[in-house]
Amino acid sequence: MKQIKFLLPLILCVLTLPSILIYCKKGSVADLVAFSYNRPIQLYALLESIECYVTGLNQVHVIYRSTDQDYETAYQEVKKSFPSVIFHKQGIHPRKDFKPLTLKATFESPSKYILFAVDDIIVKDFIDIKKSIKLLEKTKAYGFYFRLGQNLNWCYTLNKPQANPKFIHIQNDVYAWHIKSGQHDWGYPNTVDMTLYRKKDVELDLRAMNYYAPNPLEGQWSGRAYKIRRENKMGLCYNTTKIVNLPLNRVQDVYKNRHMGTLDTKELLDIFNQGEKIDIASLFKIQNKSAHMDYEPTFIKRVCV
């Protein structure tokens, strides 16, 4: 009897192993790869909001670039606060190492799904990645767009109104639309602003393109969106957006993206070095009218590790 009692946990383990392997094979979790350049306080807010509101992630990677020791020291503080995040520092030739680092972070994990993010995003509501994956597979949609929702009526990047597409109700607060019929943000399927994709659907493009930073990556990728429209792919979104992009500043000059320009990276670095962080609680379930939103952040003391 003692031997049976001792062996019982082992027997149960062996019996349940196939179901565990099947569960893993399904790849019901996703990885996230975030990009950051001289914006440690904004990266901190992104990672904190992910930690607060997102479940079902496997690996979280950050590919970051710092131009001097002051920024690098601040990034080291961010690392201490988020020890489970995998950081990849770009070297002295960032235009050469960005693509290899992106491919490494994206495809060396067994997870079958991926999200990309830039460091001026803040998650503002709860996201269950496993639930989102199930809906992605159920509907055969191309992507699940957490930056989109029926609360949007303005395209910030073009600075003009945009109409919502014709929605297909999937379940509860989840909707689908045909990407080729979408206007502005709704017709822009390839983005680094927190969209859930199957890795197999994006791998060919990410390996084939020549890019050296997040903006060229997205710019070239958007040029390949004709395939998505041609195949009449659908996108998924929640009724209300789950994230918001706060364009406080711009850290590159190749793409003249709209931004507020109220706080430059040095000013924000000084605030971070004073032990403060962006107050993400004030953005919880905020009803933004555009995927990017002008917003004057408030700063509060952070707990230093």
C-alpha atoms as a PDB file:
ATOM      1  CA  MET A   1       0.000   0.000   0.000  1.00  0.00           C
ATOM      2  CA  LYS A   2       2.842   2.377   0.857  1.00  0.00           C
ATOM      3  CA  GLN A   3       4.445   1.692  -2.523  1.00  0.00           C
ATOM      4  CA  ILE A   4       1.153   2.401  -4.331  1.00  0.00           C
ATOM      5  CA  LYS A   5       0.692   5.599  -2.342  1.00  0.00           C
ATOM      6  CA  PHE A   6       4.228   6.651  -3.241  1.00  0.00           C
ATOM      7  CA  LEU A   7       3.770   5.845  -6.936  1.00  0.00           C
ATOM      8  CA  LEU A   8       0.330   7.485  -7.273  1.00  0.00           C
ATOM      9  CA  PRO A   9       1.634  11.023  -7.951  1.00  0.00           C
ATOM     10  CA  LEU A  10       4.027   9.624 -10.566  1.00  0.00           C
ATOM     11  CA  ILE A  11       1.216   7.656 -12.247  1.00  0.00           C
ATOM     12  CA  LEU A  12      -1.004  10.738 -12.321  1.00  0.00           C
ATOM     13  CA  CYS A  13       1.859  12.767 -13.777  1.00  0.00           C
ATOM     14  CA  VAL A  14       2.376  10.217 -16.575  1.00  0.00           C
ATOM     15  CA  LEU A  15      -1.356  10.070 -17.314  1.00  0.00           C
ATOM     16  CA  THR A  16      -1.689  13.841 -17.555  1.00  0.00           C
ATOM     17  CA  LEU A  17       1.516  14.371 -19.534  1.00  0.00           C
ATOM     18  CA  PRO A  18      -0.143  13.901 -22.957  1.00  0.00           C
ATOM     19  CA  SER A  19      -2.730  16.571 -22.193  1.00  0.00           C
ATOM     20  CA  ILE A  20      -0.005  18.905 -20.992  1.00  0.00           C
ATOM     21  CA  LEU A  21       1.953  18.346 -24.198  1.00  0.00           C
ATOM     22  CA  ILE A  22      -1.181  18.922 -26.280  1.00  0.00           C
ATOM     23  CA  TYR A  23      -1.830  22.148 -24.376  1.00  0.00           C
ATOM     24  CA  CYS A  24       1.739  23.328 -25.010  1.00  0.00           C
ATOM     25  CA  LYS A  25       1.523  22.315 -28.654  1.00  0.00           C
ATOM     26  CA  LYS A  26      -1.511  24.527 -29.099  1.00  0.00           C
ATOM     27  CA  GLY A  27       0.683  27.480 -28.280  1.00  0.00           C
ATOM     28  CA  SER A  28      -2.067  29.150 -26.284  1.00  0.00           C
ATOM     29  CA  VAL A  29       0.252  31.896 -25.076  1.00  0.00           C
ATOM     30  CA  ALA A  30       2.005  34.698 -26.906  1.00  0.00           C
ATOM     31  CA  ASP A  31       5.285  36.551 -26.742  1.00  0.00           C
ATOM     32  CA  LEU A  32       5.598  40.321 -26.766  1.00  0.00           C
ATOM     33  CA  VAL A  33       8.514  42.278 -28.235  1.00  0.00           C
ATOM     34  CA  ALA A  34       8.757  45.959 -27.280  1.00  0.00           C
ATOM     35  CA  PHE A  35      11.018  48.587 -28.838  1.00  0.00           C
ATOM     36  CA  SER A  36      12.526  51.496 -26.898  1.00  0.00           C
ATOM     37  CA  TYR A  37      14.957  54.300 -27.707  1.00  0.00           C
ATOM     38  CA  ASN A  38      16.057  56.822 -25.051  1.00  0.00           C
ATOM     39  CA  ARG A  39      12.676  56.619 -23.318  1.00  0.00           C
ATOM     40  CA  PRO A  40      13.130  54.679 -20.065  1.00  0.00           C
ATOM     41  CA  ILE A  41      10.242  56.377 -18.234  1.00  0.00           C
ATOM     42  CA  GLN A  42       7.863  55.567 -21.079  1.00  0.00           C
ATOM     43  CA  LEU A  43       9.110  51.995 -21.260  1.00  0.00           C
ATOM     44  CA  TYR A  44       8.583  51.697 -17.509  1.00  0.00           C
ATOM     45  CA  ALA A  45       4.942  52.768 -17.955  1.00  0.00           C
ATOM     46  CA  LEU A  46       4.417  50.267 -20.766  1.00  0.00           C
ATOM     47  CA  LEU A  47       5.879  47.372 -18.772  1.00  0.00           C
ATOM     48  CA  GLU A  48       4.012  48.357 -15.617  1.00  0.00           C
ATOM     49  CA  SER A  49       0.716  48.489 -17.514  1.00  0.00           C
ATOM     50  CA  ILE A  50       1.406  45.097 -19.102  1.00  0.00           C
ATOM     51  CA  GLU A  51       2.154  43.667 -15.665  1.00  0.00           C
ATOM     52  CA  CYS A  52      -1.075  45.136 -14.265  1.00  0.00           C
ATOM     53  CA  TYR A  53      -3.524  44.329 -17.023  1.00  0.00           C
ATOM     54  CA  VAL A  54      -2.281  41.602 -19.395  1.00  0.00           C
ATOM     55  CA  THR A  55      -2.467  37.870 -18.735  1.00  0.00           C
ATOM     56  CA  GLY A  56      -1.415  34.972 -20.961  1.00  0.00           C
ATOM     57  CA  LEU A  57       1.968  36.246 -22.090  1.00  0.00           C
ATOM     58  CA  ASN A  58       4.916  33.877 -22.241  1.00  0.00           C
ATOM     59  CA  GLN A  59       8.105  35.842 -22.904  1.00  0.00           C
ATOM     60  CA  VAL A  60       8.328  39.637 -22.866  1.00  0.00           C
ATOM     61  CA  HIS A  61      11.337  41.059 -24.704  1.00  0.00           C
ATOM     62  CA  VAL A  62      12.629  44.621 -24.910  1.00  0.00           C
ATOM     63  CA  ILE A  63      14.980  45.703 -27.680  1.00  0.00           C
ATOM     64  CA  TYR A  64      16.387  49.021 -26.547  1.00  0.00           C
ATOM     65  CA  ARG A  65      18.863  51.658 -27.600  1.00  0.00           C
ATOM     66  CA  SER A  66      20.547  54.274 -25.396  1.00  0.00           C
ATOM     67  CA  THR A  67      22.801  56.993 -26.767  1.00  0.00           C
ATOM     68  CA  ASP A  68      24.690  57.838 -23.582  1.00  0.00           C
ATOM     69  CA  GLN A  69      25.393  56.557 -20.084  1.00  0.00           C
ATOM     70  CA  ASP A  70      22.619  58.622 -18.467  1.00  0.00           C
ATOM     71  CA  TYR A  71      19.965  56.838 -20.502  1.00  0.00           C
ATOM     72  CA  GLU A  72      21.700  53.500 -20.018  1.00  0.00           C
ATOM     73  CA  THR A  73      21.740  53.932 -16.235  1.00  0.00           C
ATOM     74  CA  ALA A  74      18.018  54.661 -16.298  1.00  0.00           C
ATOM     75  CA  TYR A  75      17.357  51.571 -18.401  1.00  0.00           C
ATOM     76  CA  GLN A  76      19.238  49.524 -15.811  1.00  0.00           C
ATOM     77  CA  GLU A  77      16.751  50.802 -13.230  1.00  0.00           C
ATOM     78  CA  VAL A  78      13.887  49.659 -15.461  1.00  0.00           C
ATOM     79  CA  LYS A  79      15.507  46.214 -15.699  1.00  0.00           C
ATOM     80  CA  LYS A  80      15.645  45.946 -11.917  1.00  0.00           C
ATOM     81  CA  SER A  81      11.942  46.705 -11.651  1.00  0.00           C
ATOM     82  CA  PHE A  82      10.937  44.077 -14.213  1.00  0.00           C
ATOM     83  CA  PRO A  83      13.307  41.123 -13.693  1.00  0.00           C
ATOM     84  CA  SER A  84      11.252  38.674 -15.770  1.00  0.00           C
ATOM     85  CA  VAL A  85      11.563  40.809 -18.909  1.00  0.00           C
ATOM     86  CA  ILE A  86      14.326  39.842 -21.350  1.00  0.00           C
ATOM     87  CA  PHE A  87      16.338  42.900 -22.425  1.00  0.00           C
ATOM     88  CA  HIS A  88      18.386  43.124 -25.624  1.00  0.00           C
ATOM     89  CA  LYS A  89      20.664  46.151 -25.815  1.00  0.00           C
ATOM     90  CA  GLN A  90      21.522  47.437 -29.252  1.00  0.00           C
ATOM     91  CA  GLY A  91      25.224  47.950 -29.913  1.00  0.00           C
ATOM     92  CA  ILE A  92      27.347  50.589 -31.581  1.00  0.00           C
ATOM     93  CA  HIS A  93      25.853  49.711 -34.980  1.00  0.00           C
ATOM     94  CA  PRO A  94      22.102  49.835 -34.235  1.00  0.00           C
ATOM     95  CA  ARG A  95      21.088  49.962 -37.893  1.00  0.00           C
ATOM     96  CA  LYS A  96      22.745  46.575 -38.368  1.00  0.00           C
ATOM     97  CA  ASP A  97      21.655  44.739 -35.235  1.00  0.00           C
ATOM     98  CA  PHE A  98      17.997  45.798 -35.024  1.00  0.00           C
ATOM     99  CA  LYS A  99      16.645  43.222 -37.480  1.00  0.00           C
ATOM    100  CA  PRO A 100      18.691  40.270 -36.106  1.00  0.00           C
ATOM    101  CA  LEU A 101      17.608  41.131 -32.562  1.00  0.00           C
ATOM    102  CA  THR A 102      13.968  41.436 -33.631  1.00  0.00           C
ATOM    103  CA  LEU A 103      14.039  38.054 -35.368  1.00  0.00           C
ATOM    104  CA  LYS A 104      15.795  36.448 -32.401  1.00  0.00           C
ATOM    105  CA  ALA A 105      13.315  37.822 -29.861  1.00  0.00           C
ATOM    106  CA  THR A 106      10.328  36.938 -32.041  1.00  0.00           C
ATOM    107  CA  PHE A 107      11.102  33.455 -33.318  1.00  0.00           C
ATOM    108  CA  GLU A 108      13.392  31.709 -30.834  1.00  0.00           C
ATOM    109  CA  SER A 109      10.507  31.022 -28.456  1.00  0.00           C
ATOM    110  CA  PRO A 110       8.117  28.089 -28.998  1.00  0.00           C
ATOM    111  CA  SER A 111       5.074  30.355 -28.576  1.00  0.00           C
ATOM    112  CA  LYS A 112       3.030  30.503 -31.770  1.00  0.00           C
ATOM    113  CA  TYR A 113       1.744  34.038 -31.328  1.00  0.00           C
ATOM    114  CA  ILE A 114       3.365  37.460 -31.136  1.00  0.00           C
ATOM    115  CA  LEU A 115       2.606  41.061 -30.273  1.00  0.00           C
ATOM    116  CA  PHE A 116       4.876  44.032 -30.934  1.00  0.00           C
ATOM    117  CA  ALA A 117       4.826  47.264 -28.955  1.00  0.00           C
ATOM    118  CA  VAL A 118       6.531  50.638 -28.906  1.00  0.00           C
ATOM    119  CA  ASP A 119       7.484  52.330 -25.678  1.00  0.00           C
ATOM    120  CA  ASP A 120       4.907  55.125 -25.734  1.00  0.00           C
ATOM    121  CA  ILE A 121       1.997  52.692 -25.451  1.00  0.00           C
ATOM    122  CA  ILE A 122       0.120  52.224 -22.190  1.00  0.00           C
ATOM    123  CA  VAL A 123      -2.303  49.363 -21.613  1.00  0.00           C
ATOM    124  CA  LYS A 124      -5.450  50.873 -20.105  1.00  0.00           C
ATOM    125  CA  ASP A 125      -7.725  47.886 -19.616  1.00  0.00           C
ATOM    126  CA  PHE A 126      -7.564  44.155 -18.971  1.00  0.00           C
ATOM    127  CA  ILE A 127      -6.477  41.824 -21.790  1.00  0.00           C
ATOM    128  CA  ASP A 128      -6.688  38.034 -21.620  1.00  0.00           C
ATOM    129  CA  ILE A 129      -4.294  36.800 -24.311  1.00  0.00           C
ATOM    130  CA  LYS A 130      -5.436  33.174 -24.099  1.00  0.00           C
ATOM    131  CA  LYS A 131      -9.034  34.210 -24.677  1.00  0.00           C
ATOM    132  CA  SER A 132      -7.927  36.417 -27.562  1.00  0.00           C
ATOM    133  CA  ILE A 133      -6.019  33.525 -29.157  1.00  0.00           C
ATOM    134  CA  LYS A 134      -9.094  31.292 -28.979  1.00  0.00           C
ATOM    135  CA  LEU A 135     -11.161  33.953 -30.743  1.00  0.00           C
ATOM    136  CA  LEU A 136      -8.433  34.513 -33.328  1.00  0.00           C
ATOM    137  CA  GLU A 137      -8.497  30.814 -34.192  1.00  0.00           C
ATOM    138  CA  LYS A 138     -12.262  30.528 -34.031  1.00  0.00           C
ATOM    139  CA  THR A 139     -12.759  33.336 -36.542  1.00  0.00           C
ATOM    140  CA  LYS A 140      -9.584  32.740 -38.621  1.00  0.00           C
ATOM    141  CA  ALA A 141      -8.933  36.477 -38.372  1.00  0.00           C
ATOM    142  CA  TYR A 142      -5.560  37.924 -39.335  1.00  0.00           C
ATOM    143  CA  GLY A 143      -4.978  39.864 -36.117  1.00  0.00           C
ATOM    144  CA  PHE A 144      -6.553  40.964 -32.855  1.00  0.00           C
ATOM    145  CA  TYR A 145      -6.176  44.751 -32.640  1.00  0.00           C
ATOM    146  CA  PHE A 146      -6.107  45.964 -29.049  1.00  0.00           C
ATOM    147  CA  ARG A 147      -5.599  49.583 -30.164  1.00  0.00           C
ATOM    148  CA  LEU A 148      -8.905  49.647 -32.046  1.00  0.00           C
ATOM    149  CA  GLY A 149     -12.464  49.917 -30.781  1.00  0.00           C
ATOM    150  CA  GLN A 150     -15.798  51.533 -31.496  1.00  0.00           C
ATOM    151  CA  ASN A 151     -14.861  54.507 -29.321  1.00  0.00           C
ATOM    152  CA  LEU A 152     -12.512  55.765 -32.078  1.00  0.00           C
ATOM    153  CA  ASN A 153     -13.651  58.411 -34.543  1.00  0.00           C
ATOM    154  CA  TRP A 154     -10.396  60.220 -35.366  1.00  0.00           C
ATOM    155  CA  CYS A 155      -7.142  59.193 -37.059  1.00  0.00           C
ATOM    156  CA  TYR A 156      -4.393  60.983 -35.130  1.00  0.00           C
ATOM    157  CA  THR A 157      -1.581  60.268 -37.599  1.00  0.00           C
ATOM    158  CA  LEU A 158      -3.531  61.762 -40.522  1.00  0.00           C
ATOM    159  CA  ASN A 159      -5.285  64.340 -38.320  1.00  0.00           C
ATOM    160  CA  LYS A 160      -8.686  63.669 -39.846  1.00  0.00           C
ATOM    161  CA  PRO A 161     -11.960  61.922 -38.985  1.00  0.00           C
ATOM    162  CA  GLN A 162     -12.376  58.235 -39.652  1.00  0.00           C
ATOM    163  CA  ALA A 163     -15.542  56.186 -39.861  1.00  0.00           C
ATOM    164  CA  ASN A 164     -15.990  52.857 -38.172  1.00  0.00           C
ATOM    165  CA  PRO A 165     -16.246  49.879 -40.530  1.00  0.00           C
ATOM    166  CA  LYS A 166     -19.258  47.606 -40.766  1.00  0.00           C
ATOM    167  CA  PHE A 167     -18.860  45.363 -37.736  1.00  0.00           C
ATOM    168  CA  ILE A 168     -19.667  41.681 -37.359  1.00  0.00           C
ATOM    169  CA  HIS A 169     -20.605  40.804 -33.778  1.00  0.00           C
ATOM    170  CA  ILE A 170     -18.602  37.772 -32.653  1.00  0.00           C
ATOM    171  CA  GLN A 171     -19.493  37.437 -28.983  1.00  0.00           C
ATOM    172  CA  ASN A 172     -19.993  39.656 -25.945  1.00  0.00           C
ATOM    173  CA  ASP A 173     -17.821  42.736 -26.569  1.00  0.00           C
ATOM    174  CA  VAL A 174     -15.762  41.315 -29.474  1.00  0.00           C
ATOM    175  CA  TYR A 175     -16.282  42.441 -33.077  1.00  0.00           C
ATOM    176  CA  ALA A 176     -14.799  41.689 -36.490  1.00  0.00           C
ATOM    177  CA  TRP A 177     -14.533  43.659 -39.727  1.00  0.00           C
ATOM    178  CA  HIS A 178     -13.091  43.138 -43.193  1.00  0.00           C
ATOM    179  CA  ILE A 179      -9.764  44.943 -43.280  1.00  0.00           C
ATOM    180  CA  LYS A 180      -9.979  45.889 -46.971  1.00  0.00           C
ATOM    181  CA  SER A 181     -13.106  47.934 -46.248  1.00  0.00           C
ATOM    182  CA  GLY A 182     -11.564  49.756 -43.276  1.00  0.00           C
ATOM    183  CA  GLN A 183     -10.755  53.464 -43.364  1.00  0.00           C
ATOM    184  CA  HIS A 184      -7.397  54.800 -42.096  1.00  0.00           C
ATOM    185  CA  ASP A 185      -6.501  52.911 -38.870  1.00  0.00           C
ATOM    186  CA  TRP A 186      -9.102  50.253 -39.674  1.00  0.00           C
ATOM    187  CA  GLY A 187      -7.421  49.489 -42.997  1.00  0.00           C
ATOM    188  CA  TYR A 188      -3.879  49.345 -41.591  1.00  0.00           C
ATOM    189  CA  PRO A 189      -3.315  45.689 -40.718  1.00  0.00           C
ATOM    190  CA  ASN A 190       0.456  45.542 -40.116  1.00  0.00           C
ATOM    191  CA  THR A 191       1.389  47.518 -37.037  1.00  0.00           C
ATOM    192  CA  VAL A 192       3.769  47.411 -34.069  1.00  0.00           C
ATOM    193  CA  ASP A 193       1.057  48.833 -31.782  1.00  0.00           C
ATOM    194  CA  MET A 194       0.049  45.729 -29.818  1.00  0.00           C
ATOM    195  CA  THR A 195      -1.756  43.510 -32.291  1.00  0.00           C
ATOM    196  CA  LEU A 196      -1.907  39.757 -31.715  1.00  0.00           C
ATOM    197  CA  TYR A 197      -0.656  37.800 -34.741  1.00  0.00           C
ATOM    198  CA  ARG A 198       0.194  34.216 -35.537  1.00  0.00           C
ATOM    199  CA  LYS A 199       3.946  34.019 -35.975  1.00  0.00           C
ATOM    200  CA  LYS A 200       3.510  31.866 -39.061  1.00  0.00           C
ATOM    201  CA  ASP A 201       1.492  34.640 -40.712  1.00  0.00           C
ATOM    202  CA  VAL A 202       4.153  37.329 -40.263  1.00  0.00           C
ATOM    203  CA  GLU A 203       7.431  35.419 -40.387  1.00  0.00           C
ATOM    204  CA  LEU A 204       7.975  35.560 -44.147  1.00  0.00           C
ATOM    205  CA  ASP A 205       7.591  39.349 -44.234  1.00  0.00           C
ATOM    206  CA  LEU A 206       9.752  39.966 -41.169  1.00  0.00           C
ATOM    207  CA  ARG A 207      12.577  37.864 -42.557  1.00  0.00           C
ATOM    208  CA  ALA A 208      12.350  39.220 -46.105  1.00  0.00           C
ATOM    209  CA  MET A 209      12.208  42.947 -45.392  1.00  0.00           C
ATOM    210  CA  ASN A 210      15.209  45.222 -44.818  1.00  0.00           C
ATOM    211  CA  TYR A 211      14.643  47.422 -41.764  1.00  0.00           C
ATOM    212  CA  TYR A 212      16.828  49.002 -39.117  1.00  0.00           C
ATOM    213  CA  ALA A 213      14.364  50.486 -36.581  1.00  0.00           C
ATOM    214  CA  PRO A 214      10.684  50.185 -35.588  1.00  0.00           C
ATOM    215  CA  ASN A 215       9.416  52.900 -37.959  1.00  0.00           C
ATOM    216  CA  PRO A 216      11.049  51.434 -41.089  1.00  0.00           C
ATOM    217  CA  LEU A 217       9.854  47.997 -39.983  1.00  0.00           C
ATOM    218  CA  GLU A 218       6.241  49.144 -39.815  1.00  0.00           C
ATOM    219  CA  GLY A 219       6.572  51.317 -42.906  1.00  0.00           C
ATOM    220  CA  GLN A 220       7.804  48.466 -45.082  1.00  0.00           C
ATOM    221  CA  TRP A 221       5.395  46.020 -43.512  1.00  0.00           C
ATOM    222  CA  SER A 222       2.445  48.290 -44.277  1.00  0.00           C
ATOM    223  CA  GLY A 223       3.538  48.219 -47.918  1.00  0.00           C
ATOM    224  CA  ARG A 224       2.885  44.479 -47.929  1.00  0.00           C
ATOM    225  CA  ALA A 225      -0.660  44.812 -46.619  1.00  0.00           C
ATOM    226  CA  TYR A 226      -2.117  44.398 -50.109  1.00  0.00           C
ATOM    227  CA  LYS A 227      -1.940  40.649 -49.531  1.00  0.00           C
ATOM    228  CA  ILE A 228      -4.200  40.940 -46.489  1.00  0.00           C
ATOM    229  CA  ARG A 229      -6.710  43.054 -48.405  1.00  0.00           C
ATOM    230  CA  ARG A 230      -6.575  40.791 -51.450  1.00  0.00           C
ATOM    231  CA  GLU A 231      -7.399  37.774 -49.302  1.00  0.00           C
ATOM    232  CA  ASN A 232     -10.227  39.715 -47.621  1.00  0.00           C
ATOM    233  CA  LYS A 233      -8.865  38.972 -44.149  1.00  0.00           C
ATOM    234  CA  MET A 234     -10.761  40.021 -41.045  1.00  0.00           C
ATOM    235  CA  GLY A 235      -9.524  41.824 -37.986  1.00  0.00           C
ATOM    236  CA  LEU A 236     -10.804  41.506 -34.429  1.00  0.00           C
ATOM    237  CA  CYS A 237     -11.205  44.163 -31.769  1.00  0.00           C
ATOM    238  CA  TYR A 238     -12.994  44.760 -28.517  1.00  0.00           C
ATOM    239  CA  ASN A 239     -15.858  47.206 -28.317  1.00  0.00           C
ATOM    240  CA  THR A 240     -13.532  49.609 -26.508  1.00  0.00           C
ATOM    241  CA  THR A 241      -9.797  50.023 -27.033  1.00  0.00           C
ATOM    242  CA  LYS A 242      -7.532  48.246 -24.579  1.00  0.00           C
ATOM    243  CA  ILE A 243      -4.420  50.387 -25.123  1.00  0.00           C
ATOM    244  CA  VAL A 244      -3.561  53.967 -25.979  1.00  0.00           C
ATOM    245  CA  ASN A 245      -0.469  55.497 -27.541  1.00  0.00           C
ATOM    246  CA  LEU A 246       0.764  58.736 -25.935  1.00  0.00           C
ATOM    247  CA  PRO A 247       2.940  60.556 -28.519  1.00  0.00           C
ATOM    248  CA  LEU A 248       4.717  62.840 -26.053  1.00  0.00           C
ATOM    249  CA  ASN A 249       7.782  63.175 -28.262  1.00  0.00           C
ATOM    250  CA  ARG A 250       9.568  61.776 -31.290  1.00  0.00           C
ATOM    251  CA  VAL A 251      12.995  60.122 -31.125  1.00  0.00           C
ATOM    252  CA  GLN A 252      13.684  59.752 -34.847  1.00  0.00           C
ATOM    253  CA  ASP A 253      13.598  62.138 -37.802  1.00  0.00           C
ATOM    254  CA  VAL A 254      13.154  59.757 -40.731  1.00  0.00           C
ATOM    255  CA  TYR A 255       9.381  59.513 -40.268  1.00  0.00           C
ATOM    256  CA  LYS A 256       7.767  62.858 -39.397  1.00  0.00           C
ATOM    257  CA  ASN A 257       5.146  61.370 -37.113  1.00  0.00           C
ATOM    258  CA  ARG A 258       2.769  63.723 -35.353  1.00  0.00           C
ATOM    259  CA  HIS A 259       3.569  64.193 -31.686  1.00  0.00           C
ATOM    260  CA  MET A 260       2.904  66.611 -28.846  1.00  0.00           C
ATOM    261  CA  GLY A 261       6.481  67.804 -28.374  1.00  0.00           C
ATOM    262  CA  THR A 262       5.769  69.018 -24.849  1.00  0.00           C
ATOM    263  CA  LEU A 263       8.287  66.857 -22.991  1.00  0.00           C
ATOM    264  CA  ASP A 264      11.524  65.837 -24.650  1.00  0.00           C
ATOM    265  CA  THR A 265      13.486  62.746 -23.674  1.00  0.00           C
ATOM    266  CA  LYS A 266      15.957  64.678 -21.488  1.00  0.00           C
ATOM    267  CA  GLU A 267      13.164  66.255 -19.458  1.00  0.00           C
ATOM    268  CA  LEU A 268      11.533  62.865 -18.992  1.00  0.00           C
ATOM    269  CA  LEU A 269      14.888  61.336 -18.053  1.00  0.00           C
ATOM    270  CA  ASP A 270      15.301  63.965 -15.327  1.00  0.00           C
ATOM    271  CA  ILE A 271      11.835  63.144 -13.990  1.00  0.00           C
ATOM    272  CA  PHE A 272      12.672  59.431 -13.947  1.00  0.00           C
ATOM    273  CA  ASN A 273      15.971  60.089 -12.166  1.00  0.00           C
ATOM    274  CA  GLN A 274      14.042  61.938  -9.464  1.00  0.00           C
ATOM    275  CA  GLY A 275      12.358  58.631  -8.649  1.00  0.00           C
ATOM    276  CA  GLU A 276       9.093  59.285 -10.456  1.00  0.00           C
ATOM    277  CA  LYS A 277       7.014  57.437 -13.039  1.00  0.00           C
ATOM    278  CA  ILE A 278       3.995  58.106 -15.230  1.00  0.00           C
ATOM    279  CA  ASP A 279       0.756  57.572 -13.329  1.00  0.00           C
ATOM    280  CA  ILE A 280      -0.884  54.843 -15.415  1.00  0.00           C
ATOM    281  CA  ALA A 281      -3.897  54.598 -13.064  1.00  0.00           C
ATOM    282  CA  SER A 282      -5.223  57.906 -14.386  1.00  0.00           C
ATOM    283  CA  LEU A 283      -5.541  56.278 -17.832  1.00  0.00           C
ATOM    284  CA  PHE A 284      -7.557  53.264 -16.690  1.00  0.00           C
ATOM    285  CA  LYS A 285     -10.428  52.743 -19.176  1.00  0.00           C
ATOM    286  CA  ILE A 286     -10.009  56.260 -20.540  1.00  0.00           C
ATOM    287  CA  GLN A 287     -12.289  56.882 -23.535  1.00  0.00           C
ATOM    288  CA  ASN A 288      -9.774  57.923 -26.157  1.00  0.00           C
ATOM    289  CA  LYS A 289     -11.177  59.075 -29.507  1.00  0.00           C
ATOM    290  CA  SER A 290      -8.080  58.103 -31.483  1.00  0.00           C
ATOM    291  CA  ALA A 291      -5.490  55.336 -31.231  1.00  0.00           C
ATOM    292  CA  HIS A 292      -2.886  58.032 -30.469  1.00  0.00           C
ATOM    293  CA  MET A 293      -3.970  60.659 -27.969  1.00  0.00           C
ATOM    294  CA  ASP A 294      -2.606  64.010 -26.830  1.00  0.00           C
ATOM    295  CA  TYR A 295      -2.356  63.723 -23.052  1.00  0.00           C
ATOM    296  CA  GLU A 296      -0.461  65.558 -20.343  1.00  0.00           C
ATOM    297  CA  PRO A 297       0.748  62.812 -17.999  1.00  0.00           C
ATOM    298  CA  THR A 298       0.915  63.108 -14.267  1.00  0.00           C
ATOM    299  CA  PHE A 299       3.919  61.759 -12.401  1.00  0.00           C
ATOM    300  CA  ILE A 300       4.047  59.951  -9.069  1.00  0.00           C
ATOM    301  CA  LYS A 301       6.793  58.391  -6.974  1.00  0.00           C
ATOM    302  CA  ARG A 302       7.762  54.877  -7.943  1.00  0.00           C
ATOM    303  CA  VAL A 303       8.942  52.153  -5.598  1.00  0.00           C
ATOM    304  CA  CYS A 304      12.646  51.731  -6.262  1.00  0.00           C
ATOM    305  CA  VAL A 305      14.012  48.169  -6.210  1.00  0.00           C
END
